[in-house]
Amino acid sequence: MGLLLWLVFGACVGGVAKWFLPGRLPDGWLITIGLGVVGSFAGGLPFGGHPAGWIASVIGACACLFAYSIWSQDR
């Protein structure tokens, strides 16, 4: 059950992060969920490595999406 909640949370956070970032970003719901979950942990690093709340999770997911978009353009 916990994994399902993380996937739903990651999808929501990733979707909000895509909405905030301008321009064309890599599409795909698996990438959105994965980067949303990674962004949640990245946003929580300043707080002792614990999963962050909504705001820090969205900021972390925006950073992850931005880095992924730069990396995917170089391939």
C-alpha atoms as a PDB file:
ATOM      1  CA  MET A   1       0.000   0.000   0.000  1.00  0.00           C
ATOM      2  CA  GLY A   2       2.865   2.371   0.750  1.00  0.00           C
ATOM      3  CA  LEU A   3       4.356   1.890  -2.714  1.00  0.00           C
ATOM      4  CA  LEU A   4       1.029   2.723  -4.337  1.00  0.00           C
ATOM      5  CA  LEU A   5       0.772   5.932  -2.308  1.00  0.00           C
ATOM      6  CA  TRP A   6       4.318   6.923  -3.338  1.00  0.00           C
ATOM      7  CA  LEU A   7       3.418   6.350  -7.001  1.00  0.00           C
ATOM      8  CA  VAL A   8       0.282   8.475  -6.730  1.00  0.00           C
ATOM      9  CA  PHE A   9       2.171  11.197  -4.848  1.00  0.00           C
ATOM     10  CA  GLY A  10       4.970  11.072  -7.425  1.00  0.00           C
ATOM     11  CA  ALA A  11       2.492  11.377 -10.288  1.00  0.00           C
ATOM     12  CA  CYS A  12       0.859  14.415  -8.680  1.00  0.00           C
ATOM     13  CA  VAL A  13       4.140  16.115  -7.844  1.00  0.00           C
ATOM     14  CA  GLY A  14       5.605  15.341 -11.281  1.00  0.00           C
ATOM     15  CA  GLY A  15       2.500  16.707 -13.002  1.00  0.00           C
ATOM     16  CA  VAL A  16       2.616  19.930 -11.004  1.00  0.00           C
ATOM     17  CA  ALA A  17       6.335  20.273 -11.736  1.00  0.00           C
ATOM     18  CA  LYS A  18       5.703  19.838 -15.478  1.00  0.00           C
ATOM     19  CA  TRP A  19       3.036  22.514 -15.267  1.00  0.00           C
ATOM     20  CA  PHE A  20       5.497  24.968 -13.660  1.00  0.00           C
ATOM     21  CA  LEU A  21       8.351  24.429 -16.127  1.00  0.00           C
ATOM     22  CA  PRO A  22       8.018  26.216 -19.478  1.00  0.00           C
ATOM     23  CA  GLY A  23       8.710  24.647 -22.869  1.00  0.00           C
ATOM     24  CA  ARG A  24       8.529  21.098 -24.123  1.00  0.00           C
ATOM     25  CA  LEU A  25       9.651  18.533 -21.581  1.00  0.00           C
ATOM     26  CA  PRO A  26      10.155  14.802 -21.997  1.00  0.00           C
ATOM     27  CA  ASP A  27       6.754  13.170 -22.057  1.00  0.00           C
ATOM     28  CA  GLY A  28       5.659   9.942 -20.499  1.00  0.00           C
ATOM     29  CA  TRP A  29       3.853   9.127 -17.332  1.00  0.00           C
ATOM     30  CA  LEU A  30       6.522   6.711 -16.097  1.00  0.00           C
ATOM     31  CA  ILE A  31       9.156   9.440 -16.315  1.00  0.00           C
ATOM     32  CA  THR A  32       6.775  11.879 -14.620  1.00  0.00           C
ATOM     33  CA  ILE A  33       6.117   9.484 -11.732  1.00  0.00           C
ATOM     34  CA  GLY A  34       9.777   8.525 -11.374  1.00  0.00           C
ATOM     35  CA  LEU A  35      11.008  12.099 -11.387  1.00  0.00           C
ATOM     36  CA  GLY A  36       8.233  13.108  -9.004  1.00  0.00           C
ATOM     37  CA  VAL A  37       9.294  10.468  -6.480  1.00  0.00           C
ATOM     38  CA  VAL A  38      12.987  11.311  -6.953  1.00  0.00           C
ATOM     39  CA  GLY A  39      12.128  15.004  -6.623  1.00  0.00           C
ATOM     40  CA  SER A  40      10.350  14.342  -3.352  1.00  0.00           C
ATOM     41  CA  PHE A  41      13.458  12.738  -1.914  1.00  0.00           C
ATOM     42  CA  ALA A  42      15.708  15.416  -3.441  1.00  0.00           C
ATOM     43  CA  GLY A  43      13.517  18.096  -1.892  1.00  0.00           C
ATOM     44  CA  GLY A  44      13.775  16.334   1.466  1.00  0.00           C
ATOM     45  CA  LEU A  45      17.581  16.142   1.536  1.00  0.00           C
ATOM     46  CA  PRO A  46      17.954  19.468   3.377  1.00  0.00           C
ATOM     47  CA  PHE A  47      15.519  18.098   5.983  1.00  0.00           C
ATOM     48  CA  GLY A  48      17.595  15.093   6.952  1.00  0.00           C
ATOM     49  CA  GLY A  49      16.788  12.893   3.967  1.00  0.00           C
ATOM     50  CA  HIS A  50      13.122  12.435   4.853  1.00  0.00           C
ATOM     51  CA  PRO A  51      10.442  12.762   2.184  1.00  0.00           C
ATOM     52  CA  ALA A  52       9.428  16.390   1.932  1.00  0.00           C
ATOM     53  CA  GLY A  53       6.063  18.119   1.903  1.00  0.00           C
ATOM     54  CA  TRP A  54       4.316  19.343  -1.223  1.00  0.00           C
ATOM     55  CA  ILE A  55       6.294  22.550  -1.764  1.00  0.00           C
ATOM     56  CA  ALA A  56       9.752  21.044  -1.318  1.00  0.00           C
ATOM     57  CA  SER A  57       8.693  18.006  -3.362  1.00  0.00           C
ATOM     58  CA  VAL A  58       7.563  20.177  -6.276  1.00  0.00           C
ATOM     59  CA  ILE A  59      10.786  22.195  -6.113  1.00  0.00           C
ATOM     60  CA  GLY A  60      12.828  18.986  -6.112  1.00  0.00           C
ATOM     61  CA  ALA A  61      10.761  17.544  -8.980  1.00  0.00           C
ATOM     62  CA  CYS A  62      11.216  20.757 -10.998  1.00  0.00           C
ATOM     63  CA  ALA A  63      14.961  20.474 -10.504  1.00  0.00           C
ATOM     64  CA  CYS A  64      14.905  16.799 -11.535  1.00  0.00           C
ATOM     65  CA  LEU A  65      12.757  17.497 -14.614  1.00  0.00           C
ATOM     66  CA  PHE A  66      15.031  20.368 -15.633  1.00  0.00           C
ATOM     67  CA  ALA A  67      18.141  18.220 -15.250  1.00  0.00           C
ATOM     68  CA  TYR A  68      16.484  15.366 -17.150  1.00  0.00           C
ATOM     69  CA  SER A  69      15.443  17.666 -19.991  1.00  0.00           C
ATOM     70  CA  ILE A  70      19.027  18.915 -20.350  1.00  0.00           C
ATOM     71  CA  TRP A  71      20.391  15.365 -20.198  1.00  0.00           C
ATOM     72  CA  SER A  72      17.881  14.025 -22.725  1.00  0.00           C
ATOM     73  CA  GLN A  73      18.725  16.790 -25.239  1.00  0.00           C
ATOM     74  CA  ASP A  74      22.398  15.830 -25.166  1.00  0.00           C
ATOM     75  CA  ARG A  75      21.710  12.195 -26.116  1.00  0.00           C
END
